[in-house]
Amino acid sequence: MARVLLFGPLRDLAGWRERQVEGGSIAALRAAISAEDPELALALAGPGVQVALDQALVRGDAAVGAASEVAFLPPMSGG
């Protein structure tokens, strides 16, 4: 199982920060946690949400190992 982390408003919406989730890819993990919470599913599919796999930003889908850490990051702004 991969370690899944949610940050900022995603964490607040889900009501949890860290969870072990079964899935062999980022898409599978996203689907697994989205199936539990329709509001979180919409937020994760929203613009600007980024994904870090083992502390490196990734775009698109990627394979996830059992010891992987996957973090879903909310849209960020700054100046």
C-alpha atoms as a PDB file:
ATOM      1  CA  MET A   1       0.000   0.000   0.000  1.00  0.00           C
ATOM      2  CA  ALA A   2       1.205   3.483  -0.795  1.00  0.00           C
ATOM      3  CA  ARG A   3       1.286   6.297   1.732  1.00  0.00           C
ATOM      4  CA  VAL A   4      -1.101   9.016   0.489  1.00  0.00           C
ATOM      5  CA  LEU A   5      -0.901  12.558   1.859  1.00  0.00           C
ATOM      6  CA  LEU A   6      -3.358  15.421   1.390  1.00  0.00           C
ATOM      7  CA  PHE A   7      -2.456  19.040   2.064  1.00  0.00           C
ATOM      8  CA  GLY A   8      -4.288  22.318   2.661  1.00  0.00           C
ATOM      9  CA  PRO A   9      -7.921  22.485   1.578  1.00  0.00           C
ATOM     10  CA  LEU A  10      -7.778  18.922   0.249  1.00  0.00           C
ATOM     11  CA  ARG A  11      -6.929  17.687   3.744  1.00  0.00           C
ATOM     12  CA  ASP A  12      -9.653  19.833   5.277  1.00  0.00           C
ATOM     13  CA  LEU A  13     -12.246  18.563   2.801  1.00  0.00           C
ATOM     14  CA  ALA A  14     -11.327  14.901   3.291  1.00  0.00           C
ATOM     15  CA  GLY A  15     -10.979  15.106   7.068  1.00  0.00           C
ATOM     16  CA  TRP A  16      -7.697  13.200   6.994  1.00  0.00           C
ATOM     17  CA  ARG A  17      -4.065  13.994   6.216  1.00  0.00           C
ATOM     18  CA  GLU A  18      -2.447  10.604   5.726  1.00  0.00           C
ATOM     19  CA  ARG A  19      -3.714   7.190   4.744  1.00  0.00           C
ATOM     20  CA  GLN A  20      -2.434   3.899   3.341  1.00  0.00           C
ATOM     21  CA  VAL A  21      -4.153   3.215   0.002  1.00  0.00           C
ATOM     22  CA  GLU A  22      -3.937   0.251  -2.369  1.00  0.00           C
ATOM     23  CA  GLY A  23      -3.169   1.134  -5.974  1.00  0.00           C
ATOM     24  CA  GLY A  24      -0.523   0.507  -8.571  1.00  0.00           C
ATOM     25  CA  SER A  25      -0.630   3.952 -10.162  1.00  0.00           C
ATOM     26  CA  ILE A  26      -1.451   7.542  -9.349  1.00  0.00           C
ATOM     27  CA  ALA A  27      -4.686   7.206 -11.323  1.00  0.00           C
ATOM     28  CA  ALA A  28      -5.670   4.124  -9.295  1.00  0.00           C
ATOM     29  CA  LEU A  29      -4.946   5.895  -6.002  1.00  0.00           C
ATOM     30  CA  ARG A  30      -6.920   8.943  -7.093  1.00  0.00           C
ATOM     31  CA  ALA A  31      -9.842   6.698  -8.091  1.00  0.00           C
ATOM     32  CA  ALA A  32      -9.734   4.801  -4.794  1.00  0.00           C
ATOM     33  CA  ILE A  33      -9.881   7.891  -2.603  1.00  0.00           C
ATOM     34  CA  SER A  34     -12.346   9.629  -4.931  1.00  0.00           C
ATOM     35  CA  ALA A  35     -14.764   6.694  -4.684  1.00  0.00           C
ATOM     36  CA  GLU A  36     -15.120   7.362  -0.952  1.00  0.00           C
ATOM     37  CA  ASP A  37     -15.951  11.064  -1.198  1.00  0.00           C
ATOM     38  CA  PRO A  38     -17.588  12.787  -4.205  1.00  0.00           C
ATOM     39  CA  GLU A  39     -16.589  16.270  -3.002  1.00  0.00           C
ATOM     40  CA  LEU A  40     -12.977  15.223  -2.649  1.00  0.00           C
ATOM     41  CA  ALA A  41     -13.164  13.643  -6.108  1.00  0.00           C
ATOM     42  CA  LEU A  42     -14.194  16.986  -7.597  1.00  0.00           C
ATOM     43  CA  ALA A  43     -11.448  18.806  -5.725  1.00  0.00           C
ATOM     44  CA  LEU A  44      -8.763  16.331  -6.847  1.00  0.00           C
ATOM     45  CA  ALA A  45      -9.894  16.687 -10.469  1.00  0.00           C
ATOM     46  CA  GLY A  46      -9.840  20.483 -10.235  1.00  0.00           C
ATOM     47  CA  PRO A  47      -7.379  22.744 -11.986  1.00  0.00           C
ATOM     48  CA  GLY A  48      -4.040  23.333 -10.347  1.00  0.00           C
ATOM     49  CA  VAL A  49      -3.960  20.204  -8.170  1.00  0.00           C
ATOM     50  CA  GLN A  50      -0.474  18.735  -8.398  1.00  0.00           C
ATOM     51  CA  VAL A  51       0.866  15.327  -7.455  1.00  0.00           C
ATOM     52  CA  ALA A  52       4.227  14.508  -5.920  1.00  0.00           C
ATOM     53  CA  LEU A  53       5.517  10.948  -6.096  1.00  0.00           C
ATOM     54  CA  ASP A  54       8.276  10.310  -3.579  1.00  0.00           C
ATOM     55  CA  GLN A  55       8.724  14.080  -3.187  1.00  0.00           C
ATOM     56  CA  ALA A  56       9.076  14.830  -6.919  1.00  0.00           C
ATOM     57  CA  LEU A  57       6.300  16.524  -8.882  1.00  0.00           C
ATOM     58  CA  VAL A  58       4.875  14.341 -11.642  1.00  0.00           C
ATOM     59  CA  ARG A  59       2.479  15.058 -14.471  1.00  0.00           C
ATOM     60  CA  GLY A  60       0.028  12.491 -15.715  1.00  0.00           C
ATOM     61  CA  ASP A  61      -0.025   8.936 -14.473  1.00  0.00           C
ATOM     62  CA  ALA A  62       2.908   7.053 -12.995  1.00  0.00           C
ATOM     63  CA  ALA A  63       3.502   3.670 -11.403  1.00  0.00           C
ATOM     64  CA  VAL A  64       3.335   3.603  -7.612  1.00  0.00           C
ATOM     65  CA  GLY A  65       5.170   1.053  -5.506  1.00  0.00           C
ATOM     66  CA  ALA A  66       4.099  -0.331  -2.155  1.00  0.00           C
ATOM     67  CA  ALA A  67       6.644   1.858  -0.352  1.00  0.00           C
ATOM     68  CA  SER A  68       5.836   5.005  -2.355  1.00  0.00           C
ATOM     69  CA  GLU A  69       4.607   8.284  -0.943  1.00  0.00           C
ATOM     70  CA  VAL A  70       2.032  10.154  -3.028  1.00  0.00           C
ATOM     71  CA  ALA A  71       1.070  13.680  -2.056  1.00  0.00           C
ATOM     72  CA  PHE A  72      -1.862  15.572  -3.558  1.00  0.00           C
ATOM     73  CA  LEU A  73      -1.122  19.290  -3.412  1.00  0.00           C
ATOM     74  CA  PRO A  74      -3.774  22.004  -3.712  1.00  0.00           C
ATOM     75  CA  PRO A  75      -3.420  24.843  -6.221  1.00  0.00           C
ATOM     76  CA  MET A  76      -0.789  27.278  -5.041  1.00  0.00           C
ATOM     77  CA  SER A  77      -0.437  30.966  -5.536  1.00  0.00           C
ATOM     78  CA  GLY A  78       2.157  33.403  -4.467  1.00  0.00           C
ATOM     79  CA  GLY A  79       4.107  36.341  -5.526  1.00  0.00           C
END
